[in-house]
Amino acid sequence: MSNDSRLEVVPHAFSIDEPWHVPPGAGGVPLLNSSNGNPPRLETTLHTFHDGERVYFIFDGDDDHVVATHLERDAPLWEQDVVELFLSPSHPSRYFEIEASPRGTWFDAAIHSPDGKRETMEVDRDWNCNDLFVAVRHLRDIQGAGRFTTVVALPFACMGVPAPQPGNSWRANFFRIDRHPEGDEFTAWRPTWKSPPDFHLPDAFGEMIFR
């Protein structure tokens, strides 16, 4: 695994019968503490690939305490356990925010951030990613240790962009919030180096390279 600023998105077919399958070469980058870049208490790994119509993201990690009660689309999922995707196909001043909870509930919005700062960004919660797919799996062993896998699939069409060609790139970042009685944890592919944590920093976005 690596945590450099580039993430390769390999081509591979998706199987609805095995949505948790990770294709060879599909990412495998860790999420780190978003404020200081240190290894987190709970490990999370991100994998990604595409099939020419959709781009797929698989978050796989440890989880010892689930906090998730929201059941309605566009609820404030960030208040509880959640994984988040910030995707910018064209320019970092405009990006799409997708969140998925351990219950499979999702939040989707389009963000306009002309200055790259939370203070001046505009959030369009009326934007919907049509045909968005979210699936969640929880596993727990007899000792009580748990793991989760969250699959998020976005059609390129829902973002109004054509399927990327080999060599095309997007800017992006990926996050996880874990709420816990002993202390919340905020992790990111590309740490934003902010305390308290702040994910809405396009300058911290890394690069997705489509193959």
C-alpha atoms as a PDB file:
ATOM      1  CA  MET A   1       0.000   0.000   0.000  1.00  0.00           C
ATOM      2  CA  SER A   2       1.048   3.575  -0.590  1.00  0.00           C
ATOM      3  CA  ASN A   3      -0.264   7.002   0.235  1.00  0.00           C
ATOM      4  CA  ASP A   4       1.142   9.150  -2.531  1.00  0.00           C
ATOM      5  CA  SER A   5      -0.946  11.769  -4.317  1.00  0.00           C
ATOM      6  CA  ARG A   6      -1.963   9.559  -7.279  1.00  0.00           C
ATOM      7  CA  LEU A   7      -4.505   6.766  -7.358  1.00  0.00           C
ATOM      8  CA  GLU A   8      -4.800   4.507 -10.393  1.00  0.00           C
ATOM      9  CA  VAL A   9      -8.336   3.563 -11.492  1.00  0.00           C
ATOM     10  CA  VAL A  10      -8.062   0.305 -13.395  1.00  0.00           C
ATOM     11  CA  PRO A  11     -10.664  -1.045 -15.842  1.00  0.00           C
ATOM     12  CA  HIS A  12     -12.590  -4.087 -14.641  1.00  0.00           C
ATOM     13  CA  ALA A  13     -16.108  -5.493 -14.882  1.00  0.00           C
ATOM     14  CA  PHE A  14     -18.340  -5.246 -11.803  1.00  0.00           C
ATOM     15  CA  SER A  15     -20.324  -8.253 -10.584  1.00  0.00           C
ATOM     16  CA  ILE A  16     -23.517  -7.610  -8.618  1.00  0.00           C
ATOM     17  CA  ASP A  17     -23.186 -11.191  -7.343  1.00  0.00           C
ATOM     18  CA  GLU A  18     -19.789 -10.368  -5.812  1.00  0.00           C
ATOM     19  CA  PRO A  19     -19.855  -6.620  -5.118  1.00  0.00           C
ATOM     20  CA  TRP A  20     -17.061  -6.947  -2.524  1.00  0.00           C
ATOM     21  CA  HIS A  21     -14.583  -8.390  -5.030  1.00  0.00           C
ATOM     22  CA  VAL A  22     -11.471  -6.252  -5.403  1.00  0.00           C
ATOM     23  CA  PRO A  23      -9.942  -6.572  -8.900  1.00  0.00           C
ATOM     24  CA  PRO A  24      -6.166  -6.935  -9.254  1.00  0.00           C
ATOM     25  CA  GLY A  25      -4.458  -3.542  -9.211  1.00  0.00           C
ATOM     26  CA  ALA A  26      -7.526  -1.702  -7.880  1.00  0.00           C
ATOM     27  CA  GLY A  27      -5.984   0.828  -5.564  1.00  0.00           C
ATOM     28  CA  GLY A  28      -5.255  -0.398  -2.062  1.00  0.00           C
ATOM     29  CA  VAL A  29      -4.396   2.956  -0.445  1.00  0.00           C
ATOM     30  CA  PRO A  30      -4.738   3.516   3.312  1.00  0.00           C
ATOM     31  CA  LEU A  31      -6.602   6.338   5.014  1.00  0.00           C
ATOM     32  CA  LEU A  32      -4.529   8.297   7.544  1.00  0.00           C
ATOM     33  CA  ASN A  33      -5.339  10.665  10.376  1.00  0.00           C
ATOM     34  CA  SER A  34      -6.707  13.702   8.539  1.00  0.00           C
ATOM     35  CA  SER A  35      -5.114  16.242  10.897  1.00  0.00           C
ATOM     36  CA  ASN A  36      -1.565  14.903  11.245  1.00  0.00           C
ATOM     37  CA  GLY A  37      -1.056  12.089   8.717  1.00  0.00           C
ATOM     38  CA  ASN A  38      -0.392   9.449  11.391  1.00  0.00           C
ATOM     39  CA  PRO A  39      -1.677   5.865  11.214  1.00  0.00           C
ATOM     40  CA  PRO A  40      -5.204   5.732  12.667  1.00  0.00           C
ATOM     41  CA  ARG A  41      -6.585   3.554  15.438  1.00  0.00           C
ATOM     42  CA  LEU A  42      -8.882   1.847  12.920  1.00  0.00           C
ATOM     43  CA  GLU A  43      -7.420   0.749   9.596  1.00  0.00           C
ATOM     44  CA  THR A  44      -9.304   1.620   6.387  1.00  0.00           C
ATOM     45  CA  THR A  45      -8.209   0.781   2.855  1.00  0.00           C
ATOM     46  CA  LEU A  46      -9.668   2.232  -0.342  1.00  0.00           C
ATOM     47  CA  HIS A  47      -9.850   0.409  -3.684  1.00  0.00           C
ATOM     48  CA  THR A  48     -11.193   1.813  -6.946  1.00  0.00           C
ATOM     49  CA  PHE A  49     -11.878   0.692 -10.531  1.00  0.00           C
ATOM     50  CA  HIS A  50     -14.215   1.491 -13.446  1.00  0.00           C
ATOM     51  CA  ASP A  51     -16.113  -0.385 -16.149  1.00  0.00           C
ATOM     52  CA  GLY A  52     -16.572   2.389 -18.707  1.00  0.00           C
ATOM     53  CA  GLU A  53     -19.997   3.383 -17.353  1.00  0.00           C
ATOM     54  CA  ARG A  54     -19.429   3.675 -13.622  1.00  0.00           C
ATOM     55  CA  VAL A  55     -16.592   4.264 -11.221  1.00  0.00           C
ATOM     56  CA  TYR A  56     -16.481   2.005  -8.159  1.00  0.00           C
ATOM     57  CA  PHE A  57     -15.042   2.616  -4.703  1.00  0.00           C
ATOM     58  CA  ILE A  58     -14.594  -0.033  -2.037  1.00  0.00           C
ATOM     59  CA  PHE A  59     -13.815   1.004   1.542  1.00  0.00           C
ATOM     60  CA  ASP A  60     -12.662  -1.902   3.704  1.00  0.00           C
ATOM     61  CA  GLY A  61     -11.669  -1.542   7.337  1.00  0.00           C
ATOM     62  CA  ASP A  62     -11.880  -2.296  11.024  1.00  0.00           C
ATOM     63  CA  ASP A  63     -14.842  -1.186  13.126  1.00  0.00           C
ATOM     64  CA  ASP A  64     -15.495  -1.931  16.784  1.00  0.00           C
ATOM     65  CA  HIS A  65     -18.449   0.388  17.451  1.00  0.00           C
ATOM     66  CA  VAL A  66     -21.130   1.329  14.915  1.00  0.00           C
ATOM     67  CA  VAL A  67     -22.986   4.638  15.257  1.00  0.00           C
ATOM     68  CA  ALA A  68     -25.630   4.950  12.522  1.00  0.00           C
ATOM     69  CA  THR A  69     -29.299   5.829  12.934  1.00  0.00           C
ATOM     70  CA  HIS A  70     -30.083   7.978   9.865  1.00  0.00           C
ATOM     71  CA  LEU A  71     -32.289   6.249   7.294  1.00  0.00           C
ATOM     72  CA  GLU A  72     -33.282   9.104   4.956  1.00  0.00           C
ATOM     73  CA  ARG A  73     -31.341  10.232   1.903  1.00  0.00           C
ATOM     74  CA  ASP A  74     -29.426  13.493   2.433  1.00  0.00           C
ATOM     75  CA  ALA A  75     -29.663  13.249   6.220  1.00  0.00           C
ATOM     76  CA  PRO A  76     -26.627  14.718   8.065  1.00  0.00           C
ATOM     77  CA  LEU A  77     -24.651  11.494   7.896  1.00  0.00           C
ATOM     78  CA  TRP A  78     -21.412  13.226   8.919  1.00  0.00           C
ATOM     79  CA  GLU A  79     -22.771  13.427  12.468  1.00  0.00           C
ATOM     80  CA  GLN A  80     -22.266   9.667  12.771  1.00  0.00           C
ATOM     81  CA  ASP A  81     -20.128   6.914  11.205  1.00  0.00           C
ATOM     82  CA  VAL A  82     -19.670   7.519   7.488  1.00  0.00           C
ATOM     83  CA  VAL A  83     -17.342   7.202   4.507  1.00  0.00           C
ATOM     84  CA  GLU A  84     -17.091  10.165   2.141  1.00  0.00           C
ATOM     85  CA  LEU A  85     -15.995  10.731  -1.457  1.00  0.00           C
ATOM     86  CA  PHE A  86     -15.119  14.158  -2.877  1.00  0.00           C
ATOM     87  CA  LEU A  87     -14.803  13.902  -6.674  1.00  0.00           C
ATOM     88  CA  SER A  88     -13.801  16.681  -9.074  1.00  0.00           C
ATOM     89  CA  PRO A  89     -13.885  15.548 -12.733  1.00  0.00           C
ATOM     90  CA  SER A  90     -13.022  18.992 -14.128  1.00  0.00           C
ATOM     91  CA  HIS A  91     -11.862  21.710 -11.710  1.00  0.00           C
ATOM     92  CA  PRO A  92     -11.395  21.573  -7.909  1.00  0.00           C
ATOM     93  CA  SER A  93     -13.684  24.588  -7.492  1.00  0.00           C
ATOM     94  CA  ARG A  94     -16.575  22.248  -8.359  1.00  0.00           C
ATOM     95  CA  TYR A  95     -16.769  18.794  -6.869  1.00  0.00           C
ATOM     96  CA  PHE A  96     -19.321  16.186  -5.885  1.00  0.00           C
ATOM     97  CA  GLU A  97     -19.708  14.956  -2.314  1.00  0.00           C
ATOM     98  CA  ILE A  98     -21.035  11.433  -1.742  1.00  0.00           C
ATOM     99  CA  GLU A  99     -21.415   9.926   1.726  1.00  0.00           C
ATOM    100  CA  ALA A 100     -22.490   6.426   2.754  1.00  0.00           C
ATOM    101  CA  SER A 101     -23.376   5.243   6.245  1.00  0.00           C
ATOM    102  CA  PRO A 102     -23.054   1.752   7.769  1.00  0.00           C
ATOM    103  CA  ARG A 103     -26.789   1.357   7.115  1.00  0.00           C
ATOM    104  CA  GLY A 104     -26.408   1.989   3.395  1.00  0.00           C
ATOM    105  CA  THR A 105     -27.998   5.444   3.640  1.00  0.00           C
ATOM    106  CA  TRP A 106     -26.422   8.044   1.380  1.00  0.00           C
ATOM    107  CA  PHE A 107     -25.959  11.780   1.020  1.00  0.00           C
ATOM    108  CA  ASP A 108     -25.171  13.424  -2.322  1.00  0.00           C
ATOM    109  CA  ALA A 109     -24.497  17.070  -3.136  1.00  0.00           C
ATOM    110  CA  ALA A 110     -22.679  19.277  -5.631  1.00  0.00           C
ATOM    111  CA  ILE A 111     -20.176  21.727  -4.159  1.00  0.00           C
ATOM    112  CA  HIS A 112     -19.069  25.052  -5.634  1.00  0.00           C
ATOM    113  CA  SER A 113     -15.999  26.363  -3.828  1.00  0.00           C
ATOM    114  CA  PRO A 114     -14.564  29.336  -5.763  1.00  0.00           C
ATOM    115  CA  ASP A 115     -11.936  30.111  -3.126  1.00  0.00           C
ATOM    116  CA  GLY A 116     -11.266  26.565  -1.924  1.00  0.00           C
ATOM    117  CA  LYS A 117     -12.519  27.511   1.538  1.00  0.00           C
ATOM    118  CA  ARG A 118     -15.476  26.364   3.594  1.00  0.00           C
ATOM    119  CA  GLU A 119     -16.462  29.969   4.336  1.00  0.00           C
ATOM    120  CA  THR A 120     -17.322  30.734   0.698  1.00  0.00           C
ATOM    121  CA  MET A 121     -18.413  27.341  -0.624  1.00  0.00           C
ATOM    122  CA  GLU A 122     -21.975  26.684  -1.787  1.00  0.00           C
ATOM    123  CA  VAL A 123     -23.668  23.327  -1.284  1.00  0.00           C
ATOM    124  CA  ASP A 124     -26.367  22.214  -3.731  1.00  0.00           C
ATOM    125  CA  ARG A 125     -28.277  19.521  -1.841  1.00  0.00           C
ATOM    126  CA  ASP A 126     -30.874  19.327  -4.606  1.00  0.00           C
ATOM    127  CA  TRP A 127     -28.319  17.637  -6.854  1.00  0.00           C
ATOM    128  CA  ASN A 128     -28.882  13.890  -7.032  1.00  0.00           C
ATOM    129  CA  CYS A 129     -26.629  11.217  -8.456  1.00  0.00           C
ATOM    130  CA  ASN A 130     -29.179   9.158 -10.340  1.00  0.00           C
ATOM    131  CA  ASP A 131     -28.576   5.392 -10.254  1.00  0.00           C
ATOM    132  CA  LEU A 132     -26.094   5.684  -7.403  1.00  0.00           C
ATOM    133  CA  PHE A 133     -25.356   2.243  -5.906  1.00  0.00           C
ATOM    134  CA  VAL A 134     -24.374   1.663  -2.262  1.00  0.00           C
ATOM    135  CA  ALA A 135     -23.883  -1.683  -0.511  1.00  0.00           C
ATOM    136  CA  VAL A 136     -22.544  -2.373   2.985  1.00  0.00           C
ATOM    137  CA  ARG A 137     -21.304  -5.576   4.624  1.00  0.00           C
ATOM    138  CA  HIS A 138     -20.459  -6.076   8.312  1.00  0.00           C
ATOM    139  CA  LEU A 139     -18.465  -9.018   9.644  1.00  0.00           C
ATOM    140  CA  ARG A 140     -17.758  -9.840  13.299  1.00  0.00           C
ATOM    141  CA  ASP A 141     -15.733 -12.708  14.777  1.00  0.00           C
ATOM    142  CA  ILE A 142     -16.450 -14.621  17.977  1.00  0.00           C
ATOM    143  CA  GLN A 143     -14.154 -12.274  19.923  1.00  0.00           C
ATOM    144  CA  GLY A 144     -16.295  -9.332  18.827  1.00  0.00           C
ATOM    145  CA  ALA A 145     -13.764  -7.734  16.479  1.00  0.00           C
ATOM    146  CA  GLY A 146     -15.530  -6.264  13.473  1.00  0.00           C
ATOM    147  CA  ARG A 147     -14.854  -5.300   9.885  1.00  0.00           C
ATOM    148  CA  PHE A 148     -16.914  -3.438   7.316  1.00  0.00           C
ATOM    149  CA  THR A 149     -16.919  -3.110   3.554  1.00  0.00           C
ATOM    150  CA  THR A 150     -18.753  -0.291   1.785  1.00  0.00           C
ATOM    151  CA  VAL A 151     -19.154  -0.271  -1.982  1.00  0.00           C
ATOM    152  CA  VAL A 152     -20.137   2.959  -3.756  1.00  0.00           C
ATOM    153  CA  ALA A 153     -20.709   3.057  -7.535  1.00  0.00           C
ATOM    154  CA  LEU A 154     -21.367   6.282  -9.452  1.00  0.00           C
ATOM    155  CA  PRO A 155     -22.393   6.469 -13.112  1.00  0.00           C
ATOM    156  CA  PHE A 156     -20.286   8.961 -15.030  1.00  0.00           C
ATOM    157  CA  ALA A 157     -23.565  10.238 -16.505  1.00  0.00           C
ATOM    158  CA  CYS A 158     -24.866  11.389 -13.120  1.00  0.00           C
ATOM    159  CA  MET A 159     -21.939  13.817 -12.901  1.00  0.00           C
ATOM    160  CA  GLY A 160     -22.519  15.036 -16.452  1.00  0.00           C
ATOM    161  CA  VAL A 161     -19.166  13.787 -17.735  1.00  0.00           C
ATOM    162  CA  PRO A 162     -18.228  11.225 -20.391  1.00  0.00           C
ATOM    163  CA  ALA A 163     -16.416   8.054 -19.492  1.00  0.00           C
ATOM    164  CA  PRO A 164     -12.743   8.945 -18.997  1.00  0.00           C
ATOM    165  CA  GLN A 165     -10.220   7.774 -21.533  1.00  0.00           C
ATOM    166  CA  PRO A 166      -6.958   6.087 -20.498  1.00  0.00           C
ATOM    167  CA  GLY A 167      -4.686   8.741 -19.061  1.00  0.00           C
ATOM    168  CA  ASN A 168      -7.492  11.136 -18.088  1.00  0.00           C
ATOM    169  CA  SER A 169      -7.386  12.361 -14.504  1.00  0.00           C
ATOM    170  CA  TRP A 170      -9.706  13.727 -11.830  1.00  0.00           C
ATOM    171  CA  ARG A 171      -8.956  15.437  -8.543  1.00  0.00           C
ATOM    172  CA  ALA A 172     -10.388  13.726  -5.475  1.00  0.00           C
ATOM    173  CA  ASN A 173     -10.152  12.904  -1.793  1.00  0.00           C
ATOM    174  CA  PHE A 174     -11.666  10.200   0.395  1.00  0.00           C
ATOM    175  CA  PHE A 175     -12.543  10.197   4.069  1.00  0.00           C
ATOM    176  CA  ARG A 176     -13.953   8.248   6.978  1.00  0.00           C
ATOM    177  CA  ILE A 177     -15.527   9.490  10.189  1.00  0.00           C
ATOM    178  CA  ASP A 178     -15.751   7.029  13.078  1.00  0.00           C
ATOM    179  CA  ARG A 179     -17.716   8.096  16.135  1.00  0.00           C
ATOM    180  CA  HIS A 180     -16.649   6.356  19.328  1.00  0.00           C
ATOM    181  CA  PRO A 181     -17.255   6.849  23.089  1.00  0.00           C
ATOM    182  CA  GLU A 182     -13.501   6.996  23.632  1.00  0.00           C
ATOM    183  CA  GLY A 183     -12.940   9.619  20.944  1.00  0.00           C
ATOM    184  CA  ASP A 184     -13.932  10.268  17.347  1.00  0.00           C
ATOM    185  CA  GLU A 185     -11.516   9.529  14.515  1.00  0.00           C
ATOM    186  CA  PHE A 186     -11.259  11.400  11.192  1.00  0.00           C
ATOM    187  CA  THR A 187      -9.200   9.802   8.443  1.00  0.00           C
ATOM    188  CA  ALA A 188      -8.366  10.756   4.852  1.00  0.00           C
ATOM    189  CA  TRP A 189      -6.521   9.492   1.797  1.00  0.00           C
ATOM    190  CA  ARG A 190      -4.859  12.910   1.511  1.00  0.00           C
ATOM    191  CA  PRO A 191      -4.672  14.502   4.990  1.00  0.00           C
ATOM    192  CA  THR A 192      -5.956  18.065   5.134  1.00  0.00           C
ATOM    193  CA  TRP A 193      -3.761  18.939   8.154  1.00  0.00           C
ATOM    194  CA  LYS A 194      -6.585  20.811   9.879  1.00  0.00           C
ATOM    195  CA  SER A 195      -7.516  20.624  13.564  1.00  0.00           C
ATOM    196  CA  PRO A 196     -10.385  20.522  14.213  1.00  0.00           C
ATOM    197  CA  PRO A 197     -10.804  18.315  11.130  1.00  0.00           C
ATOM    198  CA  ASP A 198     -12.023  19.950   7.910  1.00  0.00           C
ATOM    199  CA  PHE A 199     -12.452  17.910   4.730  1.00  0.00           C
ATOM    200  CA  HIS A 200     -13.571  20.710   2.391  1.00  0.00           C
ATOM    201  CA  LEU A 201     -10.094  21.699   1.231  1.00  0.00           C
ATOM    202  CA  PRO A 202      -9.680  21.150  -2.542  1.00  0.00           C
ATOM    203  CA  ASP A 203      -5.995  22.071  -2.295  1.00  0.00           C
ATOM    204  CA  ALA A 204      -5.478  18.754  -0.488  1.00  0.00           C
ATOM    205  CA  PHE A 205      -7.104  16.681  -3.237  1.00  0.00           C
ATOM    206  CA  GLY A 206      -4.994  13.994  -4.851  1.00  0.00           C
ATOM    207  CA  GLU A 207      -5.164  12.767  -8.456  1.00  0.00           C
ATOM    208  CA  MET A 208      -7.132   9.828  -9.842  1.00  0.00           C
ATOM    209  CA  ILE A 209      -5.586   8.458 -13.038  1.00  0.00           C
ATOM    210  CA  PHE A 210      -7.872   6.345 -15.256  1.00  0.00           C
ATOM    211  CA  ARG A 211      -6.327   3.402 -17.076  1.00  0.00           C
END
